[in-house]
Amino acid sequence: MQNSHKWLSRFRLRSKTWVYVPTPETVDEGELFKKLIEFKWLPPSNYYHLKSGGHVDAIKYHLDGQFFIHADLKKFFNSINRSRITRELKPYFGYEKARSIAMESTVSIPLESGQVFALPFGFVQSTIIASLCLRKSRLGKTIHKLDSTEGIKASVYVDDIIISTQSMEKANLALSMIQESSKKSGLLLNKEKLKGPAESITAFNIDLSPNLVMISNTRFRELLANYRNSTSDNQKNGIFGYVYSVNPAQAAILTSP
């Protein structure tokens, strides 16, 4: 399949990330690749984007922490190129099939450094392939090691990494470990979005501190306005359900007179 035949259109987000709209054929093929990989590879339990509960559970996992770090991977999907995909899928599928999946799952993406054949944002299979490649990378192994260490927890939600510890000493050590391993992996951290180590951080518009998660003030005001101005019961129920899943006390404010 030629590069231009894999997608119908593309557009650029304010973050400068290109989003690709796949053709129906590419969607079907992506669903097949996703199922094949899921059959062969069991994602880690702390990769919350690949299980129900999503980003809320990814941050609630750290409620018993005392110090927190929030790191963001820079252009995560675009860092997963054809050769990396082929290398990491080869043990599961053999070279020929791995290379075929890599070829069909990547497109030529314009970056500041030039064109690169990598995973596009928008394809069905991009998330599962990127997740497998992350887990097999030096950074992924470091995240696994941290999460297996007493007094430290680490969770992943697509390109967001959250770490919690019981001491500032361990938090500083964890940060230096992921910084070093990200460089060696070629999966770079976004320095502008790095938060912590600190006694509280904000991720996914949710404030996290010891034994407390709550929707950030700015985001909660937006949700409150949307809830009270909405004439749709489905929308109101959706907003209430989400807020309640994060912080029941904030959900009670939605329905208060």
Protein backbone atom coordinates (compact mmCIF):
# COMPACT_ATOMS: atom_id res chain seq x y z
CA MET A 1 0.00 0.00 0.00
CA GLN A 2 1.46 3.36 -1.00
CA ASN A 3 1.91 6.03 1.67
CA SER A 4 -0.74 8.38 0.23
CA HIS A 5 -3.27 5.53 0.00
CA LYS A 6 -3.18 4.85 3.73
CA TRP A 7 -4.89 8.08 4.77
CA LEU A 8 -7.69 10.31 3.55
CA SER A 9 -6.48 13.56 5.05
CA ARG A 10 -4.27 15.00 7.75
CA PHE A 11 -4.31 18.07 9.94
CA ARG A 12 -2.01 19.70 12.45
CA LEU A 13 -2.86 20.33 16.10
CA ARG A 14 -1.73 23.40 18.02
CA SER A 15 0.94 21.16 19.55
CA LYS A 16 2.29 20.80 15.96
CA THR A 17 1.43 17.09 15.97
CA TRP A 18 0.13 15.79 12.64
CA VAL A 19 -3.07 13.73 12.90
CA TYR A 20 -3.81 11.31 10.05
CA VAL A 21 -7.32 10.18 9.09
CA PRO A 22 -6.96 6.60 7.83
CA THR A 23 -8.87 5.12 4.90
CA PRO A 24 -11.51 2.45 5.69
CA GLU A 25 -9.07 -0.18 4.37
CA THR A 26 -6.34 1.10 6.69
CA VAL A 27 -8.76 0.99 9.62
CA ASP A 28 -9.61 -2.66 8.88
CA GLU A 29 -5.95 -3.54 8.52
CA GLY A 30 -5.13 -1.67 11.72
CA GLU A 31 -7.80 -3.58 13.65
CA LEU A 32 -6.25 -6.83 12.41
CA PHE A 33 -2.72 -5.82 13.41
CA LYS A 34 -3.98 -4.68 16.82
CA LYS A 35 -5.65 -8.06 17.44
CA LEU A 36 -2.57 -9.96 16.28
CA ILE A 37 -0.32 -8.05 18.68
CA GLU A 38 -2.78 -8.36 21.57
CA PHE A 39 -2.84 -12.13 20.98
CA LYS A 40 0.96 -12.33 21.18
CA TRP A 41 1.82 -9.66 23.78
CA LEU A 42 0.32 -8.96 27.20
CA PRO A 43 0.68 -5.27 28.10
CA PRO A 44 1.97 -4.36 31.58
CA SER A 45 -0.74 -3.77 34.18
CA ASN A 46 0.53 -0.22 34.74
CA TYR A 47 -0.05 0.82 31.10
CA TYR A 48 -3.44 2.34 31.84
CA HIS A 49 -4.30 3.43 28.29
CA LEU A 50 -4.60 -0.26 27.39
CA LYS A 51 -7.14 -1.11 30.10
CA SER A 52 -10.45 0.22 31.38
CA GLY A 53 -10.23 3.07 33.86
CA GLY A 54 -7.92 5.13 31.69
CA HIS A 55 -6.15 8.25 32.90
CA VAL A 56 -8.20 8.51 36.11
CA ASP A 57 -6.93 5.13 37.32
CA ALA A 58 -3.44 5.99 36.06
CA ILE A 59 -3.30 8.90 38.50
CA LYS A 60 -5.26 7.24 41.34
CA TYR A 61 -2.65 4.48 41.34
CA HIS A 62 -0.40 7.00 43.12
CA LEU A 63 -2.73 8.09 45.91
CA ASP A 64 -0.53 6.55 48.61
CA GLY A 65 2.56 8.38 47.33
CA GLN A 66 4.27 11.27 49.08
CA PHE A 67 6.33 12.76 46.23
CA PHE A 68 5.39 12.84 42.55
CA ILE A 69 6.86 13.23 39.06
CA HIS A 70 4.96 13.80 35.81
CA ALA A 71 6.94 13.32 32.59
CA ASP A 72 5.75 13.58 29.02
CA LEU A 73 7.35 11.90 26.01
CA LYS A 74 8.15 14.29 23.16
CA LYS A 75 6.44 13.30 19.88
CA PHE A 76 6.09 9.75 21.14
CA PHE A 77 4.48 8.12 18.10
CA ASN A 78 6.84 9.93 15.72
CA SER A 79 9.79 8.43 17.65
CA ILE A 80 8.61 4.91 16.75
CA ASN A 81 10.07 4.38 13.28
CA ARG A 82 9.95 1.42 10.91
CA SER A 83 13.22 -0.14 12.02
CA ARG A 84 12.27 -0.01 15.70
CA ILE A 85 8.86 -1.57 15.00
CA THR A 86 10.42 -4.32 12.90
CA ARG A 87 13.03 -5.08 15.56
CA GLU A 88 10.54 -5.28 18.43
CA LEU A 89 7.88 -7.27 16.54
CA LYS A 90 10.38 -9.75 15.07
CA PRO A 91 10.51 -12.06 18.15
CA TYR A 92 6.71 -12.44 17.94
CA PHE A 93 6.13 -12.65 14.19
CA GLY A 94 9.45 -13.30 12.47
CA TYR A 95 11.23 -10.75 10.29
CA GLU A 96 9.01 -10.82 7.20
CA LYS A 97 5.70 -10.35 9.02
CA ALA A 98 7.22 -7.81 11.42
CA ARG A 99 8.57 -5.78 8.52
CA SER A 100 5.22 -5.96 6.73
CA ILE A 101 3.35 -4.66 9.79
CA ALA A 102 5.94 -1.90 10.19
CA MET A 103 5.63 -0.86 6.53
CA GLU A 104 1.82 -0.79 6.58
CA SER A 105 1.60 0.97 9.97
CA THR A 106 3.89 3.91 9.19
CA VAL A 107 3.67 7.00 7.00
CA SER A 108 6.10 9.73 6.01
CA ILE A 109 5.73 12.41 8.67
CA PRO A 110 7.16 15.93 8.26
CA LEU A 111 9.26 16.91 11.26
CA GLU A 112 11.63 19.79 11.91
CA SER A 113 14.52 17.37 11.40
CA GLY A 114 13.08 16.21 8.06
CA GLN A 115 10.77 13.44 6.86
CA VAL A 116 10.61 10.22 8.90
CA PHE A 117 8.66 7.00 8.35
CA ALA A 118 7.02 6.49 11.73
CA LEU A 119 3.73 5.73 13.49
CA PRO A 120 1.07 8.34 12.74
CA PHE A 121 -1.27 9.77 15.33
CA GLY A 122 -4.71 8.53 14.26
CA PHE A 123 -4.12 4.95 13.10
CA VAL A 124 -5.89 2.16 15.01
CA GLN A 125 -2.72 0.15 15.67
CA SER A 126 -0.44 3.07 16.58
CA THR A 127 -1.07 2.94 20.34
CA ILE A 128 -0.51 -0.81 20.82
CA ILE A 129 2.63 -0.78 18.63
CA ALA A 130 4.06 2.28 20.39
CA SER A 131 3.32 0.71 23.77
CA LEU A 132 5.11 -2.53 22.89
CA CYS A 133 8.11 -0.58 21.60
CA LEU A 134 8.17 1.53 24.76
CA ARG A 135 8.08 -1.55 27.00
CA LYS A 136 10.99 -3.14 25.11
CA SER A 137 13.08 0.04 25.19
CA ARG A 138 15.62 1.03 27.81
CA LEU A 139 13.11 3.57 29.15
CA GLY A 140 10.37 0.93 29.35
CA LYS A 141 12.66 -1.40 31.26
CA THR A 142 13.49 1.42 33.68
CA ILE A 143 9.79 2.15 34.24
CA HIS A 144 9.23 -1.56 34.93
CA LYS A 145 12.17 -1.63 37.35
CA LEU A 146 10.90 1.44 39.21
CA ASP A 147 7.38 0.03 39.50
CA SER A 148 8.85 -3.21 40.87
CA THR A 149 10.83 -1.36 43.55
CA GLU A 150 9.40 -1.07 47.06
CA GLY A 151 8.26 2.47 47.84
CA ILE A 152 8.01 3.47 44.18
CA LYS A 153 5.14 3.31 41.69
CA ALA A 154 5.19 4.14 37.99
CA SER A 155 2.27 4.33 35.57
CA VAL A 156 2.02 5.04 31.85
CA TYR A 157 -0.85 6.60 29.91
CA VAL A 158 0.15 6.76 26.23
CA ASP A 159 2.99 9.33 26.40
CA ASP A 160 2.50 10.41 30.02
CA ILE A 161 4.57 8.86 32.80
CA ILE A 162 3.69 9.35 36.45
CA ILE A 163 5.98 8.25 39.28
CA SER A 164 5.33 8.37 43.01
CA THR A 165 7.68 7.63 45.88
CA GLN A 166 7.75 7.67 49.65
CA SER A 167 10.85 9.87 49.89
CA MET A 168 12.36 12.81 48.01
CA GLU A 169 15.62 10.86 47.75
CA LYS A 170 13.92 8.06 45.81
CA ALA A 171 12.03 10.60 43.69
CA ASN A 172 15.25 12.31 42.62
CA LEU A 173 16.83 8.94 41.86
CA ALA A 174 13.79 7.86 39.82
CA LEU A 175 13.87 11.10 37.82
CA SER A 176 17.56 10.74 36.97
CA MET A 177 16.96 7.12 35.94
CA ILE A 178 14.17 7.94 33.49
CA GLN A 179 16.05 10.96 32.12
CA GLU A 180 19.12 8.84 31.38
CA SER A 181 17.19 5.89 29.95
CA SER A 182 14.99 8.13 27.77
CA LYS A 183 18.08 9.54 26.06
CA LYS A 184 19.53 6.07 25.48
CA SER A 185 16.17 4.89 24.12
CA GLY A 186 15.71 7.76 21.69
CA LEU A 187 12.37 8.42 23.39
CA LEU A 188 12.96 11.93 24.67
CA LEU A 189 11.19 13.64 27.55
CA ASN A 190 9.52 17.00 26.95
CA LYS A 191 11.54 19.23 29.28
CA GLU A 192 8.93 22.00 29.20
CA LYS A 193 6.24 19.67 30.57
CA LEU A 194 8.33 17.91 33.23
CA LYS A 195 6.88 18.41 36.73
CA GLY A 196 8.39 17.39 40.04
CA PRO A 197 9.65 15.83 42.11
CA ALA A 198 7.09 17.65 44.24
CA GLU A 199 4.51 17.04 46.95
CA SER A 200 1.78 17.73 44.38
CA ILE A 201 1.53 17.70 40.57
CA THR A 202 -1.15 18.19 37.94
CA ALA A 203 -1.68 15.66 35.17
CA PHE A 204 -4.69 15.28 32.83
CA ASN A 205 -6.16 18.42 34.50
CA ILE A 206 -6.22 16.49 37.79
CA ASP A 207 -4.34 17.64 40.89
CA LEU A 208 -2.54 14.82 42.72
CA SER A 209 -1.25 15.07 46.28
CA PRO A 210 -0.92 12.52 49.10
CA ASN A 211 -4.27 10.72 49.50
CA LEU A 212 -6.12 13.26 47.35
CA VAL A 213 -7.04 13.67 43.69
CA MET A 214 -9.29 16.45 42.45
CA ILE A 215 -10.02 18.09 39.13
CA SER A 216 -7.98 21.27 38.75
CA ASN A 217 -9.84 24.52 39.46
CA THR A 218 -9.77 25.79 35.88
CA ARG A 219 -11.03 22.51 34.43
CA PHE A 220 -13.65 22.08 37.14
CA ARG A 221 -15.09 25.54 36.45
CA GLU A 222 -15.43 24.58 32.78
CA LEU A 223 -17.18 21.32 33.65
CA LEU A 224 -19.45 23.06 36.15
CA ALA A 225 -20.50 25.65 33.55
CA ASN A 226 -21.07 22.94 30.93
CA TYR A 227 -23.11 20.88 33.40
CA ARG A 228 -25.36 23.73 34.48
CA ASN A 229 -25.85 25.12 30.96
CA SER A 230 -26.52 21.76 29.34
CA THR A 231 -30.03 20.74 28.29
CA SER A 232 -28.93 17.17 27.53
CA ASP A 233 -29.39 14.57 30.25
CA ASN A 234 -26.81 12.36 28.57
CA GLN A 235 -24.21 15.12 28.62
CA LYS A 236 -24.99 16.00 32.24
CA ASN A 237 -24.79 12.36 33.28
CA GLY A 238 -21.47 12.02 31.46
CA ILE A 239 -19.99 15.06 33.18
CA PHE A 240 -21.29 13.97 36.58
CA GLY A 241 -19.98 10.42 36.12
CA TYR A 242 -16.52 11.64 35.18
CA VAL A 243 -16.25 14.15 38.02
CA TYR A 244 -17.55 11.57 40.50
CA SER A 245 -14.92 9.06 39.32
CA VAL A 246 -12.23 11.58 40.24
CA ASN A 247 -13.64 13.28 43.33
CA PRO A 248 -17.17 12.66 44.71
CA ALA A 249 -17.07 15.91 46.73
CA GLN A 250 -16.63 17.91 43.53
CA ALA A 251 -19.44 15.93 41.90
CA ALA A 252 -21.73 16.99 44.75
CA ILE A 253 -21.02 20.64 43.88
CA LEU A 254 -22.39 20.06 40.36
CA THR A 255 -25.84 19.23 41.70
CA SER A 256 -25.90 21.68 44.60
CA PRO A 257 -28.39 24.58 44.36
